[in-house]
Every structure is written in C-alpha cells, then in structure tokens.
Amino acid sequence: GTVKFVYNDASKDETYVSAVEEVVANEGRID
C-alpha cells in the first residue's frame, strides 16, 4: 500500500474537516 500524512489536531475542530478535504483533494475520494 501507500501511507501518507494529513494534519489533524483533536483540539481544533476545523482540522477534522480539513483532513478529510485534503484526502479527497489528493485522491479524488475517501472510501
């Protein structure tokens, strides 16, 4: 497989969304 990093800080609510959006922006989807 391929392993990548995406930023997510549990104390910052906005990073829950930004993490998902970055994955989708990079890969086109999240399964």
PDB file of all heavy atoms in Angstrom:
ATOM      1  N   GLY A   1       0.800  -1.210   0.000  1.00  0.00           N
ATOM      2  CA  GLY A   1       0.000   0.000   0.000  1.00  0.00           C
ATOM      3  C   GLY A   1       0.838   1.267   0.000  1.00  0.00           C
ATOM      4  O   GLY A   1       2.063   1.241  -0.145  1.00  0.00           O
ATOM      5  N   THR A   2       0.146   2.399   0.172  1.00  0.00           N
ATOM      6  CA  THR A   2       0.789   3.709   0.229  1.00  0.00           C
ATOM      7  C   THR A   2       0.355   4.410   1.508  1.00  0.00           C
ATOM      8  O   THR A   2      -0.841   4.464   1.801  1.00  0.00           O
ATOM      9  CB  THR A   2       0.390   4.572  -0.983  1.00  0.00           C
ATOM     10  OG1 THR A   2       0.750   3.891  -2.179  1.00  0.00           O
ATOM     11  CG2 THR A   2       1.078   5.923  -0.948  1.00  0.00           C
ATOM     12  N   VAL A   3       1.290   4.926   2.260  1.00  0.00           N
ATOM     13  CA  VAL A   3       0.978   5.613   3.515  1.00  0.00           C
ATOM     14  C   VAL A   3       1.343   7.087   3.394  1.00  0.00           C
ATOM     15  O   VAL A   3       2.447   7.423   2.949  1.00  0.00           O
ATOM     16  CB  VAL A   3       1.736   4.977   4.701  1.00  0.00           C
ATOM     17  CG1 VAL A   3       1.372   5.700   5.997  1.00  0.00           C
ATOM     18  CG2 VAL A   3       1.403   3.500   4.821  1.00  0.00           C
ATOM     19  N   LYS A   4       0.421   7.942   3.799  1.00  0.00           N
ATOM     20  CA  LYS A   4       0.614   9.384   3.708  1.00  0.00           C
ATOM     21  C   LYS A   4       0.201  10.048   5.022  1.00  0.00           C
ATOM     22  O   LYS A   4      -0.511   9.447   5.836  1.00  0.00           O
ATOM     23  CB  LYS A   4      -0.197   9.977   2.557  1.00  0.00           C
ATOM     24  CG  LYS A   4       0.072   9.331   1.201  1.00  0.00           C
ATOM     25  CD  LYS A   4      -0.738   9.984   0.100  1.00  0.00           C
ATOM     26  CE  LYS A   4      -0.495   9.311  -1.244  1.00  0.00           C
ATOM     27  NZ  LYS A   4      -1.239   9.982  -2.340  1.00  0.00           N
ATOM     28  N   PHE A   5       0.619  11.278   5.195  1.00  0.00           N
ATOM     29  CA  PHE A   5       0.274  12.054   6.387  1.00  0.00           C
ATOM     30  C   PHE A   5      -0.717  13.158   6.037  1.00  0.00           C
ATOM     31  O   PHE A   5      -0.596  13.809   4.990  1.00  0.00           O
ATOM     32  CB  PHE A   5       1.526  12.685   6.998  1.00  0.00           C
ATOM     33  CG  PHE A   5       1.229  13.723   8.053  1.00  0.00           C
ATOM     34  CD1 PHE A   5       0.814  13.351   9.326  1.00  0.00           C
ATOM     35  CD2 PHE A   5       1.352  15.075   7.765  1.00  0.00           C
ATOM     36  CE1 PHE A   5       0.529  14.301  10.289  1.00  0.00           C
ATOM     37  CE2 PHE A   5       1.080  16.043   8.727  1.00  0.00           C
ATOM     38  CZ  PHE A   5       0.665  15.653   9.988  1.00  0.00           C
ATOM     39  N   VAL A   6      -1.687  13.377   6.925  1.00  0.00           N
ATOM     40  CA  VAL A   6      -2.572  14.525   6.825  1.00  0.00           C
ATOM     41  C   VAL A   6      -2.761  15.089   8.229  1.00  0.00           C
ATOM     42  O   VAL A   6      -2.889  14.340   9.205  1.00  0.00           O
ATOM     43  CB  VAL A   6      -3.929  14.154   6.174  1.00  0.00           C
ATOM     44  CG1 VAL A   6      -4.708  13.160   7.023  1.00  0.00           C
ATOM     45  CG2 VAL A   6      -4.754  15.394   5.900  1.00  0.00           C
ATOM     46  N   TYR A   7      -2.753  16.398   8.330  1.00  0.00           N
ATOM     47  CA  TYR A   7      -2.793  17.052   9.640  1.00  0.00           C
ATOM     48  C   TYR A   7      -4.190  17.010  10.251  1.00  0.00           C
ATOM     49  O   TYR A   7      -5.183  17.331   9.607  1.00  0.00           O
ATOM     50  CB  TYR A   7      -2.351  18.513   9.508  1.00  0.00           C
ATOM     51  CG  TYR A   7      -2.389  19.280  10.808  1.00  0.00           C
ATOM     52  CD1 TYR A   7      -1.468  19.014  11.822  1.00  0.00           C
ATOM     53  CD2 TYR A   7      -3.350  20.264  11.023  1.00  0.00           C
ATOM     54  CE1 TYR A   7      -1.488  19.718  13.011  1.00  0.00           C
ATOM     55  CE2 TYR A   7      -3.382  20.975  12.217  1.00  0.00           C
ATOM     56  CZ  TYR A   7      -2.454  20.696  13.208  1.00  0.00           C
ATOM     57  OH  TYR A   7      -2.493  21.385  14.399  1.00  0.00           O
ATOM     58  N   ASN A   8      -4.234  16.591  11.506  1.00  0.00           N
ATOM     59  CA  ASN A   8      -5.478  16.605  12.276  1.00  0.00           C
ATOM     60  C   ASN A   8      -5.128  16.769  13.746  1.00  0.00           C
ATOM     61  O   ASN A   8      -4.395  15.956  14.308  1.00  0.00           O
ATOM     62  CB  ASN A   8      -6.273  15.316  12.068  1.00  0.00           C
ATOM     63  CG  ASN A   8      -7.445  15.169  13.036  1.00  0.00           C
ATOM     64  OD1 ASN A   8      -7.581  14.154  13.698  1.00  0.00           O
ATOM     65  ND2 ASN A   8      -8.290  16.178  13.134  1.00  0.00           N
ATOM     66  N   ASP A   9      -5.641  17.828  14.354  1.00  0.00           N
ATOM     67  CA  ASP A   9      -5.432  18.100  15.776  1.00  0.00           C
ATOM     68  C   ASP A   9      -6.784  18.003  16.465  1.00  0.00           C
ATOM     69  O   ASP A   9      -7.697  18.782  16.176  1.00  0.00           O
ATOM     70  CB  ASP A   9      -4.829  19.493  15.960  1.00  0.00           C
ATOM     71  CG  ASP A   9      -4.487  19.807  17.404  1.00  0.00           C
ATOM     72  OD1 ASP A   9      -5.038  19.141  18.318  1.00  0.00           O
ATOM     73  OD2 ASP A   9      -3.686  20.725  17.643  1.00  0.00           O
ATOM     74  N   ALA A  10      -6.906  17.049  17.375  1.00  0.00           N
ATOM     75  CA  ALA A  10      -8.206  16.802  18.022  1.00  0.00           C
ATOM     76  C   ALA A  10      -8.732  18.019  18.767  1.00  0.00           C
ATOM     77  O   ALA A  10      -9.938  18.125  19.001  1.00  0.00           O
ATOM     78  CB  ALA A  10      -8.085  15.621  18.972  1.00  0.00           C
ATOM     79  N   SER A  11      -7.855  18.930  19.153  1.00  0.00           N
ATOM     80  CA  SER A  11      -8.294  20.122  19.887  1.00  0.00           C
ATOM     81  C   SER A  11      -8.766  21.241  18.953  1.00  0.00           C
ATOM     82  O   SER A  11      -9.242  22.279  19.413  1.00  0.00           O
ATOM     83  CB  SER A  11      -7.155  20.648  20.768  1.00  0.00           C
ATOM     84  OG  SER A  11      -6.095  21.153  19.975  1.00  0.00           O
ATOM     85  N   LYS A  12      -8.649  21.034  17.648  1.00  0.00           N
ATOM     86  CA  LYS A  12      -9.047  22.049  16.661  1.00  0.00           C
ATOM     87  C   LYS A  12     -10.099  21.452  15.738  1.00  0.00           C
ATOM     88  O   LYS A  12      -9.787  20.701  14.814  1.00  0.00           O
ATOM     89  CB  LYS A  12      -7.822  22.516  15.870  1.00  0.00           C
ATOM     90  CG  LYS A  12      -6.748  23.156  16.746  1.00  0.00           C
ATOM     91  CD  LYS A  12      -5.508  23.528  15.937  1.00  0.00           C
ATOM     92  CE  LYS A  12      -4.444  24.152  16.845  1.00  0.00           C
ATOM     93  NZ  LYS A  12      -3.210  24.475  16.093  1.00  0.00           N
ATOM     94  N   ASP A  13     -11.352  21.823  15.990  1.00  0.00           N
ATOM     95  CA  ASP A  13     -12.471  21.220  15.260  1.00  0.00           C
ATOM     96  C   ASP A  13     -12.328  21.311  13.756  1.00  0.00           C
ATOM     97  O   ASP A  13     -12.693  20.388  13.025  1.00  0.00           O
ATOM     98  CB  ASP A  13     -13.778  21.891  15.680  1.00  0.00           C
ATOM     99  CG  ASP A  13     -14.151  21.616  17.125  1.00  0.00           C
ATOM    100  OD1 ASP A  13     -13.340  20.987  17.839  1.00  0.00           O
ATOM    101  OD2 ASP A  13     -15.248  22.038  17.545  1.00  0.00           O
ATOM    102  N   GLU A  14     -11.794  22.436  13.266  1.00  0.00           N
ATOM    103  CA  GLU A  14     -11.726  22.654  11.827  1.00  0.00           C
ATOM    104  C   GLU A  14     -10.824  21.635  11.128  1.00  0.00           C
ATOM    105  O   GLU A  14     -10.981  21.377   9.926  1.00  0.00           O
ATOM    106  CB  GLU A  14     -11.241  24.072  11.519  1.00  0.00           C
ATOM    107  CG  GLU A  14      -9.819  24.387  11.932  1.00  0.00           C
ATOM    108  CD  GLU A  14      -9.659  24.834  13.385  1.00  0.00           C
ATOM    109  OE1 GLU A  14     -10.641  24.697  14.160  1.00  0.00           O
ATOM    110  OE2 GLU A  14      -8.578  25.324  13.730  1.00  0.00           O
ATOM    111  N   THR A  15      -9.898  21.040  11.871  1.00  0.00           N
ATOM    112  CA  THR A  15      -8.978  20.099  11.226  1.00  0.00           C
ATOM    113  C   THR A  15      -9.616  18.738  10.963  1.00  0.00           C
ATOM    114  O   THR A  15      -9.089  17.961  10.168  1.00  0.00           O
ATOM    115  CB  THR A  15      -7.688  19.910  12.052  1.00  0.00           C
ATOM    116  OG1 THR A  15      -7.973  19.206  13.270  1.00  0.00           O
ATOM    117  CG2 THR A  15      -7.038  21.244  12.362  1.00  0.00           C
ATOM    118  N   TYR A  16     -10.734  18.443  11.601  1.00  0.00           N
ATOM    119  CA  TYR A  16     -11.455  17.219  11.263  1.00  0.00           C
ATOM    120  C   TYR A  16     -11.939  17.299   9.823  1.00  0.00           C
ATOM    121  O   TYR A  16     -11.828  16.346   9.054  1.00  0.00           O
ATOM    122  CB  TYR A  16     -12.654  17.013  12.191  1.00  0.00           C
ATOM    123  CG  TYR A  16     -12.299  16.751  13.630  1.00  0.00           C
ATOM    124  CD1 TYR A  16     -12.728  17.600  14.632  1.00  0.00           C
ATOM    125  CD2 TYR A  16     -11.541  15.648  13.980  1.00  0.00           C
ATOM    126  CE1 TYR A  16     -12.417  17.363  15.964  1.00  0.00           C
ATOM    127  CE2 TYR A  16     -11.223  15.397  15.302  1.00  0.00           C
ATOM    128  CZ  TYR A  16     -11.667  16.261  16.291  1.00  0.00           C
ATOM    129  OH  TYR A  16     -11.351  16.025  17.599  1.00  0.00           O
ATOM    130  N   VAL A  17     -12.483  18.462   9.482  1.00  0.00           N
ATOM    131  CA  VAL A  17     -12.983  18.673   8.123  1.00  0.00           C
ATOM    132  C   VAL A  17     -11.834  18.842   7.133  1.00  0.00           C
ATOM    133  O   VAL A  17     -11.836  18.238   6.058  1.00  0.00           O
ATOM    134  CB  VAL A  17     -13.914  19.905   8.071  1.00  0.00           C
ATOM    135  CG1 VAL A  17     -14.377  20.173   6.639  1.00  0.00           C
ATOM    136  CG2 VAL A  17     -15.109  19.707   8.991  1.00  0.00           C
ATOM    137  N   SER A  18     -10.847  19.636   7.491  1.00  0.00           N
ATOM    138  CA  SER A  18      -9.751  19.897   6.559  1.00  0.00           C
ATOM    139  C   SER A  18      -8.969  18.634   6.229  1.00  0.00           C
ATOM    140  O   SER A  18      -8.477  18.473   5.101  1.00  0.00           O
ATOM    141  CB  SER A  18      -8.817  20.978   7.117  1.00  0.00           C
ATOM    142  OG  SER A  18      -8.174  20.533   8.304  1.00  0.00           O
ATOM    143  N   ALA A  19      -8.851  17.718   7.193  1.00  0.00           N
ATOM    144  CA  ALA A  19      -8.150  16.465   6.934  1.00  0.00           C
ATOM    145  C   ALA A  19      -8.870  15.652   5.865  1.00  0.00           C
ATOM    146  O   ALA A  19      -8.257  15.148   4.912  1.00  0.00           O
ATOM    147  CB  ALA A  19      -8.010  15.649   8.219  1.00  0.00           C
ATOM    148  N   VAL A  20     -10.185  15.522   6.011  1.00  0.00           N
ATOM    149  CA  VAL A  20     -10.979  14.794   5.023  1.00  0.00           C
ATOM    150  C   VAL A  20     -10.886  15.470   3.660  1.00  0.00           C
ATOM    151  O   VAL A  20     -10.688  14.809   2.630  1.00  0.00           O
ATOM    152  CB  VAL A  20     -12.450  14.679   5.469  1.00  0.00           C
ATOM    153  CG1 VAL A  20     -13.312  14.108   4.345  1.00  0.00           C
ATOM    154  CG2 VAL A  20     -12.564  13.810   6.711  1.00  0.00           C
ATOM    155  N   GLU A  21     -11.009  16.801   3.647  1.00  0.00           N
ATOM    156  CA  GLU A  21     -10.979  17.531   2.382  1.00  0.00           C
ATOM    157  C   GLU A  21      -9.634  17.389   1.684  1.00  0.00           C
ATOM    158  O   GLU A  21      -9.563  17.314   0.451  1.00  0.00           O
ATOM    159  CB  GLU A  21     -11.314  19.004   2.620  1.00  0.00           C
ATOM    160  CG  GLU A  21     -12.734  19.262   3.102  1.00  0.00           C
ATOM    161  CD  GLU A  21     -13.782  18.734   2.133  1.00  0.00           C
ATOM    162  OE1 GLU A  21     -13.560  18.794   0.904  1.00  0.00           O
ATOM    163  OE2 GLU A  21     -14.832  18.244   2.605  1.00  0.00           O
ATOM    164  N   GLU A  22      -8.558  17.339   2.449  1.00  0.00           N
ATOM    165  CA  GLU A  22      -7.239  17.171   1.846  1.00  0.00           C
ATOM    166  C   GLU A  22      -7.088  15.791   1.223  1.00  0.00           C
ATOM    167  O   GLU A  22      -6.525  15.643   0.127  1.00  0.00           O
ATOM    168  CB  GLU A  22      -6.135  17.402   2.874  1.00  0.00           C
ATOM    169  CG  GLU A  22      -4.732  17.314   2.283  1.00  0.00           C
ATOM    170  CD  GLU A  22      -3.643  17.698   3.257  1.00  0.00           C
ATOM    171  OE1 GLU A  22      -3.914  18.453   4.206  1.00  0.00           O
ATOM    172  OE2 GLU A  22      -2.498  17.222   3.067  1.00  0.00           O
ATOM    173  N   VAL A  23      -7.589  14.772   1.918  1.00  0.00           N
ATOM    174  CA  VAL A  23      -7.550  13.415   1.363  1.00  0.00           C
ATOM    175  C   VAL A  23      -8.307  13.370   0.042  1.00  0.00           C
ATOM    176  O   VAL A  23      -7.808  12.834  -0.963  1.00  0.00           O
ATOM    177  CB  VAL A  23      -8.135  12.399   2.358  1.00  0.00           C
ATOM    178  CG1 VAL A  23      -8.289  11.030   1.694  1.00  0.00           C
ATOM    179  CG2 VAL A  23      -7.255  12.281   3.594  1.00  0.00           C
ATOM    180  N   VAL A  24      -9.493  13.933   0.016  1.00  0.00           N
ATOM    181  CA  VAL A  24     -10.320  13.911  -1.201  1.00  0.00           C
ATOM    182  C   VAL A  24      -9.681  14.737  -2.307  1.00  0.00           C
ATOM    183  O   VAL A  24      -9.698  14.341  -3.482  1.00  0.00           O
ATOM    184  CB  VAL A  24     -11.745  14.402  -0.897  1.00  0.00           C
ATOM    185  CG1 VAL A  24     -12.571  14.513  -2.174  1.00  0.00           C
ATOM    186  CG2 VAL A  24     -12.435  13.466   0.090  1.00  0.00           C
ATOM    187  N   ALA A  25      -9.090  15.870  -1.939  1.00  0.00           N
ATOM    188  CA  ALA A  25      -8.417  16.701  -2.944  1.00  0.00           C
ATOM    189  C   ALA A  25      -7.254  15.953  -3.580  1.00  0.00           C
ATOM    190  O   ALA A  25      -7.013  16.060  -4.794  1.00  0.00           O
ATOM    191  CB  ALA A  25      -7.928  17.997  -2.302  1.00  0.00           C
ATOM    192  N   ASN A  26      -6.543  15.174  -2.774  1.00  0.00           N
ATOM    193  CA  ASN A  26      -5.377  14.438  -3.276  1.00  0.00           C
ATOM    194  C   ASN A  26      -5.756  13.197  -4.068  1.00  0.00           C
ATOM    195  O   ASN A  26      -5.114  12.858  -5.072  1.00  0.00           O
ATOM    196  CB  ASN A  26      -4.474  14.024  -2.116  1.00  0.00           C
ATOM    197  CG  ASN A  26      -3.796  15.198  -1.456  1.00  0.00           C
ATOM    198  OD1 ASN A  26      -3.721  16.296  -2.018  1.00  0.00           O
ATOM    199  ND2 ASN A  26      -3.290  14.984  -0.246  1.00  0.00           N
ATOM    200  N   GLU A  27      -6.788  12.489  -3.588  1.00  0.00           N
ATOM    201  CA  GLU A  27      -7.094  11.162  -4.148  1.00  0.00           C
ATOM    202  C   GLU A  27      -8.381  11.104  -4.959  1.00  0.00           C
ATOM    203  O   GLU A  27      -8.645  10.121  -5.639  1.00  0.00           O
ATOM    204  CB  GLU A  27      -7.176  10.129  -3.014  1.00  0.00           C
ATOM    205  CG  GLU A  27      -6.001  10.147  -2.051  1.00  0.00           C
ATOM    206  CD  GLU A  27      -4.680   9.799  -2.707  1.00  0.00           C
ATOM    207  OE1 GLU A  27      -4.698   9.116  -3.764  1.00  0.00           O
ATOM    208  OE2 GLU A  27      -3.632  10.210  -2.174  1.00  0.00           O
ATOM    209  N   GLY A  28      -9.213  12.130  -4.823  1.00  0.00           N
ATOM    210  CA  GLY A  28     -10.471  12.146  -5.550  1.00  0.00           C
ATOM    211  C   GLY A  28     -11.621  11.487  -4.819  1.00  0.00           C
ATOM    212  O   GLY A  28     -12.772  11.552  -5.263  1.00  0.00           O
ATOM    213  N   ARG A  29     -11.331  10.873  -3.666  1.00  0.00           N
ATOM    214  CA  ARG A  29     -12.388  10.187  -2.917  1.00  0.00           C
ATOM    215  C   ARG A  29     -11.843   9.745  -1.558  1.00  0.00           C
ATOM    216  O   ARG A  29     -10.639   9.801  -1.309  1.00  0.00           O
ATOM    217  CB  ARG A  29     -12.892   8.967  -3.676  1.00  0.00           C
ATOM    218  CG  ARG A  29     -11.874   7.834  -3.774  1.00  0.00           C
ATOM    219  CD  ARG A  29     -12.361   6.737  -4.692  1.00  0.00           C
ATOM    220  NE  ARG A  29     -11.593   5.521  -4.558  1.00  0.00           N
ATOM    221  CZ  ARG A  29     -10.437   5.300  -5.171  1.00  0.00           C
ATOM    222  NH1 ARG A  29      -9.914   6.234  -5.954  1.00  0.00           N
ATOM    223  NH2 ARG A  29      -9.807   4.148  -5.005  1.00  0.00           N
ATOM    224  N   ILE A  30     -12.748   9.285  -0.703  1.00  0.00           N
ATOM    225  CA  ILE A  30     -12.383   8.594   0.527  1.00  0.00           C
ATOM    226  C   ILE A  30     -13.337   7.415   0.671  1.00  0.00           C
ATOM    227  O   ILE A  30     -14.560   7.581   0.665  1.00  0.00           O
ATOM    228  CB  ILE A  30     -12.427   9.528   1.761  1.00  0.00           C
ATOM    229  CG1 ILE A  30     -12.008   8.759   3.016  1.00  0.00           C
ATOM    230  CG2 ILE A  30     -13.789  10.200   1.929  1.00  0.00           C
ATOM    231  CD1 ILE A  30     -11.760   9.664   4.220  1.00  0.00           C
ATOM    232  N   ASP A  31     -12.778   6.227   0.748  1.00  0.00           N
ATOM    233  CA  ASP A  31     -13.586   5.008   0.806  1.00  0.00           C
ATOM    234  C   ASP A  31     -13.798   4.504   2.221  1.00  0.00           C
ATOM    235  O   ASP A  31     -14.839   3.917   2.525  1.00  0.00           O
ATOM    236  CB  ASP A  31     -12.901   3.894  -0.002  1.00  0.00           C
ATOM    237  CG  ASP A  31     -12.709   4.265  -1.455  1.00  0.00           C
ATOM    238  OD1 ASP A  31     -13.711   4.601  -2.110  1.00  0.00           O
ATOM    239  OD2 ASP A  31     -11.553   4.228  -1.932  1.00  0.00           O
TER     240      ASP A  31
END
